[in-house]
């Protein structure tokens, strides 16, 4: 489960403070100033960019469902297929010849075959 982070500006006494909330814990990051305003703006921009990226990736994954079924990946939970795809792209254990040849499903035929 991803950690939900939030930042907000609240009035405390006579001054506005920037707060960061992670899970249910609030921490004051300082009195409202150009520095804290910049931190808040960077946080909001970064969060928006990550949400857009996550939505785009989710749409890509959903669009790959027919391909996954055609390749026989419909037999495993989506999360397993996603992890395997990420490992392949990252050069993980599935992409090495040793790992492929150690499992019959990923068997690599020698060039003599």
Protein backbone atom coordinates (compact mmCIF):
# COMPACT_ATOMS: atom_id res chain seq x y z
CA UNK A 1 0.00 0.00 0.00
CA UNK A 2 1.51 3.34 -0.99
CA UNK A 3 2.10 5.93 1.68
CA UNK A 4 -0.24 8.88 1.25
CA UNK A 5 1.64 12.13 1.75
CA UNK A 6 -0.05 15.50 1.95
CA UNK A 7 1.11 19.05 2.46
CA UNK A 8 -1.10 21.91 3.56
CA UNK A 9 -0.92 25.43 4.94
CA UNK A 10 -2.78 26.07 8.20
CA UNK A 11 -3.18 29.02 10.49
CA UNK A 12 -1.65 28.54 13.94
CA UNK A 13 -1.97 31.55 16.15
CA UNK A 14 -1.13 34.59 14.06
CA UNK A 15 0.96 32.77 11.41
CA UNK A 16 0.44 30.29 8.60
CA UNK A 17 2.52 27.13 8.78
CA UNK A 18 3.28 24.50 6.16
CA UNK A 19 2.47 20.99 7.39
CA UNK A 20 3.39 17.61 6.00
CA UNK A 21 1.09 14.69 6.76
CA UNK A 22 2.23 11.11 6.28
CA UNK A 23 -0.37 8.54 7.27
CA UNK A 24 -1.87 10.28 10.34
CA UNK A 25 1.16 12.19 11.60
CA UNK A 26 1.43 15.94 10.98
CA UNK A 27 4.76 17.72 11.11
CA UNK A 28 5.22 21.48 10.84
CA UNK A 29 7.77 22.37 8.19
CA UNK A 30 7.97 26.04 9.07
CA UNK A 31 6.28 29.40 8.96
CA UNK A 32 4.86 30.42 5.59
CA UNK A 33 7.72 31.97 3.61
CA UNK A 34 9.02 31.96 0.04
CA UNK A 35 10.98 28.80 0.89
CA UNK A 36 7.97 26.90 2.23
CA UNK A 37 5.79 28.21 -0.63
CA UNK A 38 8.36 26.84 -3.10
CA UNK A 39 8.38 23.50 -1.25
CA UNK A 40 4.58 23.33 -1.39
CA UNK A 41 4.52 24.23 -5.10
CA UNK A 42 7.17 21.57 -5.88
CA UNK A 43 5.22 18.97 -3.90
CA UNK A 44 1.93 19.76 -5.65
CA UNK A 45 3.59 19.71 -9.09
CA UNK A 46 5.38 16.43 -8.35
CA UNK A 47 2.25 14.80 -6.99
CA UNK A 48 0.26 15.87 -10.05
CA UNK A 49 2.94 14.54 -12.41
CA UNK A 50 3.05 11.20 -10.57
CA UNK A 51 -0.74 10.87 -10.67
CA UNK A 52 -0.73 11.53 -14.42
CA UNK A 53 2.05 8.99 -14.93
CA UNK A 54 0.24 6.39 -12.82
CA UNK A 55 -2.97 6.91 -14.81
CA UNK A 56 -1.08 6.56 -18.09
CA UNK A 57 0.65 3.38 -16.91
CA UNK A 58 -2.67 1.97 -15.68
CA UNK A 59 -4.21 2.59 -19.11
CA UNK A 60 -1.21 0.95 -20.79
CA UNK A 61 -1.52 -2.11 -18.53
CA UNK A 62 -5.24 -2.36 -19.19
CA UNK A 63 -4.60 -2.10 -22.93
CA UNK A 64 -2.16 -5.00 -22.69
CA UNK A 65 -4.77 -7.40 -21.27
CA UNK A 66 -5.67 -8.90 -24.68
CA UNK A 67 -1.99 -9.34 -25.52
CA UNK A 68 -1.33 -10.99 -22.16
CA UNK A 69 -4.21 -13.41 -22.71
CA UNK A 70 -2.97 -14.22 -26.20
CA UNK A 71 0.50 -14.94 -24.81
CA UNK A 72 -0.92 -17.18 -22.11
CA UNK A 73 -0.31 -14.69 -19.33
CA UNK A 74 -4.00 -14.64 -18.46
CA UNK A 75 -3.36 -17.66 -16.25
CA UNK A 76 -1.45 -15.64 -13.66
CA UNK A 77 -2.61 -12.69 -11.58
CA UNK A 78 -2.02 -9.31 -13.22
CA UNK A 79 0.47 -8.28 -10.55
CA UNK A 80 2.69 -11.28 -11.37
CA UNK A 81 2.64 -10.45 -15.07
CA UNK A 82 3.49 -6.82 -14.27
CA UNK A 83 6.40 -7.79 -12.03
CA UNK A 84 7.79 -10.17 -14.65
CA UNK A 85 7.58 -7.48 -17.32
CA UNK A 86 9.41 -4.97 -15.12
CA UNK A 87 12.09 -7.57 -14.35
CA UNK A 88 12.55 -8.24 -18.06
CA UNK A 89 12.98 -4.54 -18.81
CA UNK A 90 15.35 -4.04 -15.87
CA UNK A 91 17.52 -7.00 -16.81
CA UNK A 92 16.31 -8.97 -13.81
CA UNK A 93 16.73 -12.68 -13.14
CA UNK A 94 14.38 -13.76 -15.93
CA UNK A 95 16.50 -12.05 -18.55
CA UNK A 96 19.70 -13.96 -17.72
CA UNK A 97 20.44 -17.20 -19.58
CA UNK A 98 21.18 -19.01 -16.32
CA UNK A 99 17.74 -18.23 -14.92
CA UNK A 100 16.04 -19.02 -18.22
CA UNK A 101 17.75 -22.36 -18.64
CA UNK A 102 17.06 -23.37 -15.02
CA UNK A 103 13.31 -23.36 -15.57
CA UNK A 104 11.66 -25.42 -18.33
CA UNK A 105 9.21 -22.67 -19.25
CA UNK A 106 12.07 -20.27 -20.00
CA UNK A 107 14.39 -22.90 -21.41
CA UNK A 108 16.94 -21.57 -23.85
CA UNK A 109 17.91 -23.87 -26.67
CA UNK A 110 21.57 -24.04 -27.50
CA UNK A 111 22.68 -22.89 -30.92
CA UNK A 112 23.31 -26.52 -31.89
CA UNK A 113 19.58 -27.36 -31.70
